[in-house]
Amino acid sequence: MTSKIEKARLLILGGALEYQRVSNHLSSFDTLLQQEMDHLKMAVTKIDSQHPNILLVEKSVSRYAQEYLLAKDISLVLNIKRPLLDRIARCTGAQIVPSIDHISSSKLGYCEMFHVEKFLEEHGSAGQDGKKLVKTLMFFEGCPKPLGCTILLKGANGEELKKVKHVIQYGVFAAYHLPLETFFLPIKVPPFWNSP
């Protein structure tokens, strides 16, 4: 997977990219495997016809589909929670496609720069075997409409970062609601205040 893409085009797929087998039917294993491979090839061809650089999928993706996407040079991110997909779609202008059948009418998302970075937790609790935890984060920079942002807090222990996070959340909350409240409650100056 390419971890840095300029002028990225995103396709967001809700659900999984897998072959759905029909139960209660007898058939040979080779036939099923061939049907699965043909179906996934067709699905990846439909995806590639939209010319995305990145495919974000809510659930799992078949190994064969992953290989086909790699051959088409499409970066894949899978198992993304639905609320996060909704946020990415809102910020990039993408439309979440419910299934491969609806892909022709989908709208791709766009950002100036997509990159993936790994951060080592310096002041956190150690993971298994005493190793430090590594967090992998995706960044979507330069979206068409600035409808979201990311604030990365690091450098202190977990308890201090939680306190800073609460302060920043209250600051963002106040900054968001200030224009709404000033619009909702316009201040009218009494006439006697305007006299010299």
N, C-alpha and C. Protein backbone atom coordinates (compact mmCIF):
# COMPACT_ATOMS: atom_id res chain seq x y z
N MET A 1 0.84 -1.18 0.00
CA MET A 1 0.00 0.00 0.00
C MET A 1 0.88 1.24 0.00
N THR A 2 0.56 2.17 -0.86
CA THR A 2 1.26 3.44 -0.89
C THR A 2 0.84 4.26 0.32
N SER A 3 1.80 4.74 1.10
CA SER A 3 1.46 5.44 2.33
C SER A 3 1.42 6.96 2.17
N LYS A 4 1.74 7.47 0.98
CA LYS A 4 1.68 8.92 0.74
C LYS A 4 1.20 9.15 -0.68
N ILE A 5 0.06 9.83 -0.81
CA ILE A 5 -0.54 10.07 -2.14
C ILE A 5 -0.93 11.53 -2.23
N GLU A 6 -0.46 12.19 -3.26
CA GLU A 6 -0.86 13.58 -3.51
C GLU A 6 -2.08 13.59 -4.43
N LYS A 7 -2.96 14.55 -4.21
CA LYS A 7 -4.21 14.69 -4.97
C LYS A 7 -4.97 13.36 -4.99
N ALA A 8 -5.25 12.88 -3.81
CA ALA A 8 -5.87 11.55 -3.65
C ALA A 8 -7.36 11.60 -3.95
N ARG A 9 -7.84 10.54 -4.64
CA ARG A 9 -9.26 10.34 -4.90
C ARG A 9 -9.70 9.13 -4.09
N LEU A 10 -10.75 9.31 -3.26
CA LEU A 10 -11.17 8.27 -2.34
C LEU A 10 -12.52 7.68 -2.73
N LEU A 11 -12.61 6.38 -2.64
CA LEU A 11 -13.87 5.67 -2.80
C LEU A 11 -14.16 4.99 -1.47
N ILE A 12 -15.36 5.21 -0.93
CA ILE A 12 -15.73 4.66 0.37
C ILE A 12 -16.82 3.61 0.16
N LEU A 13 -16.56 2.40 0.62
CA LEU A 13 -17.49 1.29 0.46
C LEU A 13 -18.00 0.85 1.83
N GLY A 14 -19.31 0.96 2.02
CA GLY A 14 -19.92 0.46 3.24
C GLY A 14 -20.18 -1.02 3.09
N GLY A 15 -19.82 -1.81 4.07
CA GLY A 15 -20.00 -3.25 3.97
C GLY A 15 -18.68 -3.93 3.68
N ALA A 16 -18.75 -5.10 3.07
CA ALA A 16 -17.56 -5.91 2.82
C ALA A 16 -17.35 -6.09 1.32
N LEU A 17 -16.14 -6.43 0.96
CA LEU A 17 -15.80 -6.75 -0.43
C LEU A 17 -15.43 -8.23 -0.46
N GLU A 18 -16.46 -9.06 -0.50
CA GLU A 18 -16.28 -10.51 -0.48
C GLU A 18 -17.30 -11.15 -1.40
N TYR A 19 -17.08 -12.43 -1.66
CA TYR A 19 -18.02 -13.20 -2.46
C TYR A 19 -19.01 -13.87 -1.53
N GLN A 20 -20.30 -13.69 -1.79
CA GLN A 20 -21.34 -14.29 -0.97
C GLN A 20 -21.73 -15.64 -1.56
N ARG A 21 -21.39 -16.69 -0.86
CA ARG A 21 -21.70 -18.03 -1.35
C ARG A 21 -23.17 -18.35 -1.09
N VAL A 22 -23.74 -19.13 -1.98
CA VAL A 22 -25.12 -19.57 -1.81
C VAL A 22 -25.09 -20.88 -1.03
N SER A 23 -25.81 -20.92 0.07
CA SER A 23 -25.82 -22.13 0.89
C SER A 23 -26.84 -23.13 0.37
N ASN A 24 -26.74 -24.36 0.85
CA ASN A 24 -27.66 -25.46 0.52
C ASN A 24 -27.60 -25.88 -0.95
N HIS A 25 -26.48 -25.61 -1.61
CA HIS A 25 -26.30 -26.07 -2.99
C HIS A 25 -24.99 -26.86 -3.06
N LEU A 26 -25.04 -27.99 -3.73
CA LEU A 26 -23.86 -28.81 -3.89
C LEU A 26 -23.11 -28.38 -5.15
N SER A 27 -21.83 -28.17 -5.00
CA SER A 27 -20.97 -27.87 -6.14
C SER A 27 -19.54 -28.18 -5.74
N SER A 28 -18.69 -28.29 -6.73
CA SER A 28 -17.31 -28.63 -6.44
C SER A 28 -16.55 -27.42 -5.89
N PHE A 29 -15.51 -27.72 -5.17
CA PHE A 29 -14.71 -26.66 -4.56
C PHE A 29 -14.04 -25.80 -5.63
N ASP A 30 -13.57 -26.43 -6.70
CA ASP A 30 -12.92 -25.68 -7.78
C ASP A 30 -13.88 -24.71 -8.45
N THR A 31 -15.12 -25.14 -8.64
CA THR A 31 -16.12 -24.26 -9.25
C THR A 31 -16.40 -23.07 -8.35
N LEU A 32 -16.54 -23.31 -7.06
CA LEU A 32 -16.78 -22.21 -6.12
C LEU A 32 -15.61 -21.23 -6.11
N LEU A 33 -14.41 -21.76 -6.11
CA LEU A 33 -13.22 -20.91 -6.09
C LEU A 33 -13.14 -20.06 -7.35
N GLN A 34 -13.45 -20.67 -8.49
CA GLN A 34 -13.43 -19.92 -9.75
C GLN A 34 -14.51 -18.85 -9.78
N GLN A 35 -15.70 -19.17 -9.28
CA GLN A 35 -16.78 -18.18 -9.21
C GLN A 35 -16.38 -17.02 -8.31
N GLU A 36 -15.77 -17.34 -7.19
CA GLU A 36 -15.34 -16.28 -6.27
C GLU A 36 -14.30 -15.37 -6.92
N MET A 37 -13.32 -15.96 -7.57
CA MET A 37 -12.28 -15.16 -8.22
C MET A 37 -12.85 -14.30 -9.35
N ASP A 38 -13.77 -14.86 -10.14
CA ASP A 38 -14.40 -14.10 -11.23
C ASP A 38 -15.22 -12.93 -10.68
N HIS A 39 -15.99 -13.21 -9.63
CA HIS A 39 -16.81 -12.16 -9.02
C HIS A 39 -15.93 -11.03 -8.47
N LEU A 40 -14.86 -11.38 -7.78
CA LEU A 40 -13.99 -10.35 -7.20
C LEU A 40 -13.22 -9.58 -8.28
N LYS A 41 -12.85 -10.25 -9.36
CA LYS A 41 -12.21 -9.56 -10.48
C LYS A 41 -13.15 -8.53 -11.08
N MET A 42 -14.42 -8.92 -11.24
CA MET A 42 -15.42 -8.00 -11.78
C MET A 42 -15.63 -6.82 -10.82
N ALA A 43 -15.67 -7.09 -9.52
CA ALA A 43 -15.86 -6.02 -8.53
C ALA A 43 -14.69 -5.05 -8.55
N VAL A 44 -13.48 -5.56 -8.62
CA VAL A 44 -12.30 -4.69 -8.66
C VAL A 44 -12.26 -3.90 -9.96
N THR A 45 -12.71 -4.49 -11.06
CA THR A 45 -12.79 -3.76 -12.33
C THR A 45 -13.78 -2.60 -12.23
N LYS A 46 -14.92 -2.84 -11.56
CA LYS A 46 -15.89 -1.75 -11.35
C LYS A 46 -15.29 -0.65 -10.50
N ILE A 47 -14.55 -1.03 -9.47
CA ILE A 47 -13.90 -0.04 -8.61
C ILE A 47 -12.87 0.73 -9.41
N ASP A 48 -12.07 0.04 -10.19
CA ASP A 48 -11.01 0.69 -10.96
C ASP A 48 -11.58 1.62 -12.04
N SER A 49 -12.79 1.35 -12.50
CA SER A 49 -13.39 2.21 -13.53
C SER A 49 -13.67 3.62 -13.00
N GLN A 50 -13.76 3.77 -11.68
CA GLN A 50 -13.97 5.09 -11.08
C GLN A 50 -12.65 5.84 -10.86
N HIS A 51 -11.52 5.17 -11.04
CA HIS A 51 -10.16 5.71 -10.90
C HIS A 51 -9.86 6.27 -9.50
N PRO A 52 -10.13 5.51 -8.45
CA PRO A 52 -9.73 5.99 -7.13
C PRO A 52 -8.27 5.63 -6.84
N ASN A 53 -7.63 6.39 -5.96
CA ASN A 53 -6.30 6.03 -5.45
C ASN A 53 -6.41 5.21 -4.18
N ILE A 54 -7.48 5.49 -3.41
CA ILE A 54 -7.65 4.87 -2.10
C ILE A 54 -9.05 4.30 -2.00
N LEU A 55 -9.14 3.08 -1.47
CA LEU A 55 -10.43 2.45 -1.21
C LEU A 55 -10.54 2.24 0.29
N LEU A 56 -11.58 2.84 0.91
CA LEU A 56 -11.85 2.67 2.33
C LEU A 56 -13.06 1.75 2.46
N VAL A 57 -12.92 0.65 3.22
CA VAL A 57 -13.97 -0.35 3.34
C VAL A 57 -14.35 -0.50 4.81
N GLU A 58 -15.66 -0.56 5.05
CA GLU A 58 -16.16 -0.66 6.42
C GLU A 58 -15.83 -2.00 7.06
N LYS A 59 -15.93 -3.07 6.31
CA LYS A 59 -15.73 -4.41 6.88
C LYS A 59 -14.53 -5.08 6.21
N SER A 60 -14.59 -6.37 6.07
CA SER A 60 -13.44 -7.12 5.57
C SER A 60 -13.37 -7.13 4.04
N VAL A 61 -12.21 -7.52 3.55
CA VAL A 61 -11.96 -7.63 2.11
C VAL A 61 -11.29 -8.98 1.86
N SER A 62 -11.77 -9.68 0.87
CA SER A 62 -11.23 -10.98 0.52
C SER A 62 -9.76 -10.86 0.11
N ARG A 63 -9.01 -11.92 0.37
CA ARG A 63 -7.59 -11.92 0.02
C ARG A 63 -7.38 -11.75 -1.48
N TYR A 64 -8.23 -12.40 -2.28
CA TYR A 64 -8.13 -12.26 -3.74
C TYR A 64 -8.39 -10.82 -4.17
N ALA A 65 -9.38 -10.19 -3.57
CA ALA A 65 -9.67 -8.80 -3.89
C ALA A 65 -8.50 -7.90 -3.51
N GLN A 66 -7.86 -8.19 -2.38
CA GLN A 66 -6.69 -7.41 -1.97
C GLN A 66 -5.57 -7.52 -2.99
N GLU A 67 -5.36 -8.72 -3.51
CA GLU A 67 -4.33 -8.91 -4.53
C GLU A 67 -4.66 -8.16 -5.82
N TYR A 68 -5.93 -8.21 -6.23
CA TYR A 68 -6.34 -7.50 -7.45
C TYR A 68 -6.20 -5.99 -7.28
N LEU A 69 -6.56 -5.48 -6.11
CA LEU A 69 -6.43 -4.05 -5.85
C LEU A 69 -4.95 -3.62 -5.83
N LEU A 70 -4.11 -4.47 -5.28
CA LEU A 70 -2.67 -4.19 -5.27
C LEU A 70 -2.12 -4.14 -6.69
N ALA A 71 -2.60 -5.04 -7.54
CA ALA A 71 -2.16 -5.04 -8.94
C ALA A 71 -2.61 -3.78 -9.68
N LYS A 72 -3.76 -3.22 -9.28
CA LYS A 72 -4.28 -2.00 -9.91
C LYS A 72 -3.70 -0.74 -9.26
N ASP A 73 -2.83 -0.90 -8.26
CA ASP A 73 -2.20 0.21 -7.53
C ASP A 73 -3.23 1.08 -6.80
N ILE A 74 -4.20 0.43 -6.16
CA ILE A 74 -5.21 1.11 -5.35
C ILE A 74 -4.91 0.77 -3.89
N SER A 75 -4.65 1.79 -3.09
CA SER A 75 -4.38 1.57 -1.67
C SER A 75 -5.67 1.21 -0.96
N LEU A 76 -5.59 0.29 -0.02
CA LEU A 76 -6.76 -0.25 0.65
C LEU A 76 -6.65 -0.04 2.15
N VAL A 77 -7.73 0.45 2.75
CA VAL A 77 -7.85 0.54 4.21
C VAL A 77 -9.15 -0.16 4.55
N LEU A 78 -9.09 -1.18 5.42
CA LEU A 78 -10.29 -1.95 5.71
C LEU A 78 -10.58 -1.97 7.20
N ASN A 79 -11.77 -2.46 7.54
CA ASN A 79 -12.26 -2.53 8.92
C ASN A 79 -12.30 -1.16 9.60
N ILE A 80 -12.90 -0.21 8.92
CA ILE A 80 -13.04 1.14 9.48
C ILE A 80 -14.45 1.26 10.06
N LYS A 81 -14.55 1.79 11.25
CA LYS A 81 -15.86 1.93 11.90
C LYS A 81 -16.72 2.93 11.13
N ARG A 82 -18.03 2.69 11.15
CA ARG A 82 -18.97 3.50 10.36
C ARG A 82 -18.95 4.99 10.73
N PRO A 83 -18.91 5.37 12.02
CA PRO A 83 -18.85 6.82 12.31
C PRO A 83 -17.61 7.50 11.73
N LEU A 84 -16.50 6.78 11.71
CA LEU A 84 -15.29 7.35 11.12
C LEU A 84 -15.43 7.47 9.60
N LEU A 85 -16.06 6.49 8.97
CA LEU A 85 -16.31 6.59 7.52
C LEU A 85 -17.21 7.79 7.22
N ASP A 86 -18.22 8.02 8.07
CA ASP A 86 -19.11 9.17 7.87
C ASP A 86 -18.34 10.48 7.95
N ARG A 87 -17.43 10.58 8.91
CA ARG A 87 -16.63 11.81 9.05
C ARG A 87 -15.73 12.02 7.84
N ILE A 88 -15.07 10.94 7.39
CA ILE A 88 -14.19 11.05 6.23
C ILE A 88 -14.99 11.45 4.99
N ALA A 89 -16.17 10.86 4.84
CA ALA A 89 -17.03 11.19 3.68
C ALA A 89 -17.45 12.65 3.73
N ARG A 90 -17.82 13.15 4.91
CA ARG A 90 -18.25 14.54 5.03
C ARG A 90 -17.10 15.50 4.70
N CYS A 91 -15.90 15.22 5.19
CA CYS A 91 -14.78 16.13 4.99
C CYS A 91 -14.22 16.09 3.57
N THR A 92 -14.22 14.93 2.95
CA THR A 92 -13.63 14.81 1.61
C THR A 92 -14.64 14.99 0.49
N GLY A 93 -15.93 15.02 0.83
CA GLY A 93 -16.96 15.17 -0.18
C GLY A 93 -17.34 13.87 -0.85
N ALA A 94 -16.94 12.75 -0.27
CA ALA A 94 -17.24 11.44 -0.86
C ALA A 94 -18.65 11.00 -0.49
N GLN A 95 -19.13 10.03 -1.22
CA GLN A 95 -20.43 9.42 -0.95
C GLN A 95 -20.16 7.96 -0.59
N ILE A 96 -20.75 7.49 0.50
CA ILE A 96 -20.54 6.10 0.91
C ILE A 96 -21.38 5.19 0.03
N VAL A 97 -20.72 4.26 -0.64
CA VAL A 97 -21.40 3.34 -1.54
C VAL A 97 -21.83 2.12 -0.73
N PRO A 98 -23.13 1.79 -0.73
CA PRO A 98 -23.58 0.65 0.09
C PRO A 98 -23.11 -0.71 -0.42
N SER A 99 -22.94 -0.83 -1.73
CA SER A 99 -22.47 -2.11 -2.29
C SER A 99 -21.82 -1.84 -3.65
N ILE A 100 -21.20 -2.87 -4.18
CA ILE A 100 -20.53 -2.76 -5.48
C ILE A 100 -21.51 -2.45 -6.60
N ASP A 101 -22.77 -2.87 -6.46
CA ASP A 101 -23.78 -2.63 -7.49
C ASP A 101 -24.07 -1.15 -7.69
N HIS A 102 -23.88 -0.32 -6.66
CA HIS A 102 -24.18 1.10 -6.73
C HIS A 102 -22.94 1.95 -7.02
N ILE A 103 -21.87 1.32 -7.43
CA ILE A 103 -20.61 2.04 -7.56
C ILE A 103 -20.59 3.00 -8.74
N SER A 104 -21.39 2.75 -9.76
CA SER A 104 -21.37 3.62 -10.95
C SER A 104 -21.93 5.00 -10.66
N SER A 105 -22.81 5.11 -9.67
CA SER A 105 -23.40 6.41 -9.34
C SER A 105 -22.73 7.07 -8.14
N SER A 106 -21.57 6.57 -7.74
CA SER A 106 -20.92 7.10 -6.54
C SER A 106 -20.13 8.37 -6.84
N LYS A 107 -19.91 9.14 -5.80
CA LYS A 107 -19.12 10.35 -5.90
C LYS A 107 -17.84 10.14 -5.12
N LEU A 108 -16.71 10.35 -5.78
CA LEU A 108 -15.42 10.17 -5.12
C LEU A 108 -15.10 11.35 -4.22
N GLY A 109 -14.36 11.07 -3.16
CA GLY A 109 -13.87 12.13 -2.29
C GLY A 109 -12.51 12.60 -2.78
N TYR A 110 -12.07 13.73 -2.26
CA TYR A 110 -10.82 14.31 -2.72
C TYR A 110 -10.09 14.97 -1.56
N CYS A 111 -8.78 14.84 -1.55
CA CYS A 111 -7.94 15.61 -0.63
C CYS A 111 -6.60 15.87 -1.31
N GLU A 112 -5.96 16.95 -0.91
CA GLU A 112 -4.68 17.33 -1.51
C GLU A 112 -3.58 16.33 -1.17
N MET A 113 -3.59 15.84 0.07
CA MET A 113 -2.53 14.93 0.50
C MET A 113 -3.10 13.88 1.46
N PHE A 114 -2.81 12.63 1.18
CA PHE A 114 -3.14 11.53 2.07
C PHE A 114 -1.83 10.89 2.48
N HIS A 115 -1.65 10.72 3.79
CA HIS A 115 -0.47 10.00 4.23
C HIS A 115 -0.75 9.26 5.52
N VAL A 116 0.04 8.23 5.74
CA VAL A 116 -0.08 7.37 6.91
C VAL A 116 1.21 7.51 7.71
N GLU A 117 1.07 7.75 9.01
CA GLU A 117 2.25 7.87 9.87
C GLU A 117 2.09 6.99 11.09
N LYS A 118 3.20 6.49 11.58
CA LYS A 118 3.21 5.68 12.79
C LYS A 118 3.83 6.51 13.91
N PHE A 119 3.20 6.46 15.08
CA PHE A 119 3.68 7.18 16.24
C PHE A 119 3.94 6.19 17.37
N LEU A 120 5.09 6.33 18.00
CA LEU A 120 5.45 5.48 19.11
C LEU A 120 5.00 6.15 20.40
N GLU A 121 4.26 5.42 21.23
CA GLU A 121 3.80 5.96 22.51
C GLU A 121 4.96 5.91 23.48
N GLU A 122 5.46 7.09 23.87
CA GLU A 122 6.62 7.15 24.74
C GLU A 122 6.26 7.06 26.21
N HIS A 123 5.16 7.68 26.62
CA HIS A 123 4.79 7.76 28.03
C HIS A 123 3.59 6.91 28.37
N GLY A 124 3.29 5.93 27.60
CA GLY A 124 2.11 5.11 27.86
C GLY A 124 2.48 3.80 28.51
N SER A 125 1.49 3.00 28.73
CA SER A 125 1.74 1.68 29.27
C SER A 125 2.30 0.79 28.17
N ALA A 126 3.16 -0.09 28.53
CA ALA A 126 3.77 -0.98 27.54
C ALA A 126 2.77 -2.03 27.10
N GLY A 127 2.93 -2.50 25.89
CA GLY A 127 2.05 -3.54 25.37
C GLY A 127 2.53 -4.91 25.81
N GLN A 128 2.24 -5.90 25.02
CA GLN A 128 2.65 -7.26 25.34
C GLN A 128 4.17 -7.37 25.27
N ASP A 129 4.75 -8.15 26.14
CA ASP A 129 6.19 -8.39 26.19
C ASP A 129 7.00 -7.12 26.46
N GLY A 130 6.38 -6.10 27.06
CA GLY A 130 7.10 -4.88 27.40
C GLY A 130 7.42 -3.98 26.24
N LYS A 131 6.88 -4.26 25.05
CA LYS A 131 7.14 -3.41 23.88
C LYS A 131 6.27 -2.16 23.95
N LYS A 132 6.80 -1.06 23.43
CA LYS A 132 6.02 0.17 23.39
C LYS A 132 4.97 0.08 22.29
N LEU A 133 3.83 0.72 22.54
CA LEU A 133 2.73 0.68 21.59
C LEU A 133 2.98 1.63 20.43
N VAL A 134 2.60 1.19 19.24
CA VAL A 134 2.72 2.00 18.03
C VAL A 134 1.32 2.26 17.50
N LYS A 135 0.99 3.53 17.28
CA LYS A 135 -0.31 3.90 16.71
C LYS A 135 -0.09 4.33 15.27
N THR A 136 -0.93 3.81 14.39
CA THR A 136 -0.88 4.19 12.98
C THR A 136 -2.05 5.12 12.70
N LEU A 137 -1.77 6.30 12.19
CA LEU A 137 -2.80 7.31 11.92
C LEU A 137 -2.82 7.68 10.44
N MET A 138 -4.03 7.90 9.92
CA MET A 138 -4.20 8.36 8.54
C MET A 138 -4.50 9.86 8.58
N PHE A 139 -3.91 10.60 7.66
CA PHE A 139 -4.14 12.03 7.57
C PHE A 139 -4.70 12.36 6.20
N PHE A 140 -5.80 13.12 6.18
CA PHE A 140 -6.41 13.62 4.95
C PHE A 140 -6.26 15.13 4.99
N GLU A 141 -5.30 15.67 4.26
CA GLU A 141 -5.03 17.11 4.31
C GLU A 141 -5.51 17.79 3.04
N GLY A 142 -5.95 19.03 3.19
CA GLY A 142 -6.38 19.81 2.04
C GLY A 142 -7.69 19.35 1.45
N CYS A 143 -8.66 19.07 2.29
CA CYS A 143 -9.98 18.65 1.82
C CYS A 143 -10.70 19.84 1.19
N PRO A 144 -11.66 19.60 0.28
CA PRO A 144 -12.34 20.70 -0.41
C PRO A 144 -13.05 21.67 0.53
N LYS A 145 -13.72 21.15 1.53
CA LYS A 145 -14.40 21.99 2.50
C LYS A 145 -13.78 21.68 3.85
N PRO A 146 -13.24 22.67 4.53
CA PRO A 146 -12.64 22.39 5.84
C PRO A 146 -13.72 22.13 6.89
N LEU A 147 -14.25 20.93 6.91
CA LEU A 147 -15.34 20.59 7.83
C LEU A 147 -14.85 19.77 9.03
N GLY A 148 -13.57 19.60 9.15
CA GLY A 148 -13.05 18.84 10.28
C GLY A 148 -11.57 19.07 10.43
N CYS A 149 -11.04 18.68 11.56
CA CYS A 149 -9.61 18.81 11.78
C CYS A 149 -9.18 17.73 12.77
N THR A 150 -7.88 17.57 12.87
CA THR A 150 -7.31 16.62 13.81
C THR A 150 -6.31 17.36 14.67
N ILE A 151 -6.38 17.11 15.95
CA ILE A 151 -5.40 17.67 16.88
C ILE A 151 -4.68 16.49 17.49
N LEU A 152 -3.39 16.40 17.26
CA LEU A 152 -2.59 15.29 17.76
C LEU A 152 -1.90 15.73 19.04
N LEU A 153 -2.24 15.08 20.14
CA LEU A 153 -1.65 15.39 21.44
C LEU A 153 -0.63 14.31 21.77
N LYS A 154 0.59 14.72 22.06
CA LYS A 154 1.61 13.76 22.47
C LYS A 154 2.67 14.49 23.29
N GLY A 155 3.45 13.72 24.00
CA GLY A 155 4.55 14.30 24.74
C GLY A 155 4.46 14.17 26.24
N ALA A 156 3.31 13.84 26.78
CA ALA A 156 3.18 13.70 28.23
C ALA A 156 2.59 12.32 28.53
N ASN A 157 2.42 12.05 29.82
CA ASN A 157 1.81 10.77 30.17
C ASN A 157 0.31 10.82 29.90
N GLY A 158 -0.33 9.66 30.00
CA GLY A 158 -1.74 9.53 29.63
C GLY A 158 -2.68 10.39 30.44
N GLU A 159 -2.45 10.51 31.74
CA GLU A 159 -3.35 11.30 32.60
C GLU A 159 -3.31 12.78 32.24
N GLU A 160 -2.13 13.31 32.00
CA GLU A 160 -2.01 14.72 31.62
C GLU A 160 -2.64 14.98 30.25
N LEU A 161 -2.46 14.05 29.32
CA LEU A 161 -3.04 14.20 27.99
C LEU A 161 -4.57 14.17 28.05
N LYS A 162 -5.13 13.37 28.98
CA LYS A 162 -6.59 13.34 29.13
C LYS A 162 -7.11 14.70 29.60
N LYS A 163 -6.39 15.33 30.51
CA LYS A 163 -6.81 16.66 31.00
C LYS A 163 -6.74 17.69 29.88
N VAL A 164 -5.66 17.65 29.11
CA VAL A 164 -5.50 18.59 27.99
C VAL A 164 -6.58 18.33 26.95
N LYS A 165 -6.92 17.06 26.72
CA LYS A 165 -7.96 16.71 25.76
C LYS A 165 -9.30 17.31 26.18
N HIS A 166 -9.65 17.24 27.47
CA HIS A 166 -10.91 17.81 27.94
C HIS A 166 -10.93 19.33 27.75
N VAL A 167 -9.82 19.99 28.02
CA VAL A 167 -9.76 21.45 27.83
C VAL A 167 -9.93 21.80 26.36
N ILE A 168 -9.27 21.06 25.48
CA ILE A 168 -9.39 21.33 24.04
C ILE A 168 -10.82 21.06 23.56
N GLN A 169 -11.45 19.99 24.07
CA GLN A 169 -12.84 19.70 23.69
C GLN A 169 -13.76 20.85 24.09
N TYR A 170 -13.58 21.40 25.28
CA TYR A 170 -14.40 22.54 25.71
C TYR A 170 -14.12 23.77 24.85
N GLY A 171 -12.85 23.98 24.48
CA GLY A 171 -12.51 25.10 23.60
C GLY A 171 -13.13 24.98 22.23
N VAL A 172 -13.09 23.77 21.66
CA VAL A 172 -13.71 23.53 20.35
C VAL A 172 -15.22 23.70 20.45
N PHE A 173 -15.80 23.21 21.53
CA PHE A 173 -17.24 23.34 21.76
C PHE A 173 -17.63 24.83 21.82
N ALA A 174 -16.87 25.62 22.56
CA ALA A 174 -17.16 27.05 22.67
C ALA A 174 -16.98 27.76 21.33
N ALA A 175 -15.90 27.42 20.60
CA ALA A 175 -15.65 28.05 19.30
C ALA A 175 -16.75 27.70 18.29
N TYR A 176 -17.27 26.48 18.37
CA TYR A 176 -18.33 26.06 17.46
C TYR A 176 -19.64 26.78 17.77
N HIS A 177 -19.97 26.89 19.05
CA HIS A 177 -21.26 27.43 19.44
C HIS A 177 -21.31 28.97 19.50
N LEU A 178 -20.17 29.62 19.58
CA LEU A 178 -20.17 31.07 19.65
C LEU A 178 -20.83 31.72 18.43
N PRO A 179 -20.47 31.37 17.20
CA PRO A 179 -21.16 32.00 16.06
C PRO A 179 -22.64 31.65 16.00
N LEU A 180 -22.97 30.43 16.40
CA LEU A 180 -24.39 30.03 16.38
C LEU A 180 -25.20 30.85 17.38
N GLU A 181 -24.65 31.04 18.57
CA GLU A 181 -25.38 31.79 19.59
C GLU A 181 -25.45 33.28 19.24
N THR A 182 -24.40 33.84 18.67
CA THR A 182 -24.44 35.26 18.31
C THR A 182 -25.42 35.49 17.16
N PHE A 183 -25.58 34.51 16.30
CA PHE A 183 -26.55 34.65 15.23
C PHE A 183 -27.97 34.49 15.77
N PHE A 184 -28.13 33.58 16.72
CA PHE A 184 -29.45 33.31 17.28
C PHE A 184 -29.93 34.43 18.20
N LEU A 185 -29.03 35.03 18.92
CA LEU A 185 -29.39 36.08 19.88
C LEU A 185 -28.73 37.40 19.49
N PRO A 186 -29.23 38.07 18.47
CA PRO A 186 -28.61 39.34 18.10
C PRO A 186 -28.84 40.37 19.20
N ILE A 187 -27.81 41.12 19.48
CA ILE A 187 -27.89 42.13 20.53
C ILE A 187 -28.41 43.42 19.90
N LYS A 188 -29.50 43.93 20.45
CA LYS A 188 -30.06 45.19 19.98
C LYS A 188 -29.71 46.26 21.00
N VAL A 189 -29.11 47.33 20.51
CA VAL A 189 -28.70 48.42 21.38
C VAL A 189 -29.91 49.34 21.60
N PRO A 190 -30.23 49.62 22.87
CA PRO A 190 -31.34 50.56 23.12
C PRO A 190 -31.04 51.93 22.53
N PRO A 191 -32.07 52.68 22.13
CA PRO A 191 -31.84 53.97 21.46
C PRO A 191 -31.12 54.99 22.32
N PHE A 192 -31.30 54.93 23.64
CA PHE A 192 -30.66 55.95 24.47
C PHE A 192 -29.15 55.73 24.58
N TRP A 193 -28.64 54.54 24.24
CA TRP A 193 -27.18 54.31 24.28
C TRP A 193 -26.48 54.95 23.09
N ASN A 194 -27.21 55.18 22.00
CA ASN A 194 -26.60 55.75 20.81
C ASN A 194 -26.46 57.27 20.89
N SER A 195 -27.13 57.93 21.82
CA SER A 195 -27.06 59.39 21.88
C SER A 195 -25.73 59.85 22.46
N PRO A 196 -25.18 60.98 21.96
CA PRO A 196 -23.87 61.47 22.43
C PRO A 196 -23.93 62.12 23.76
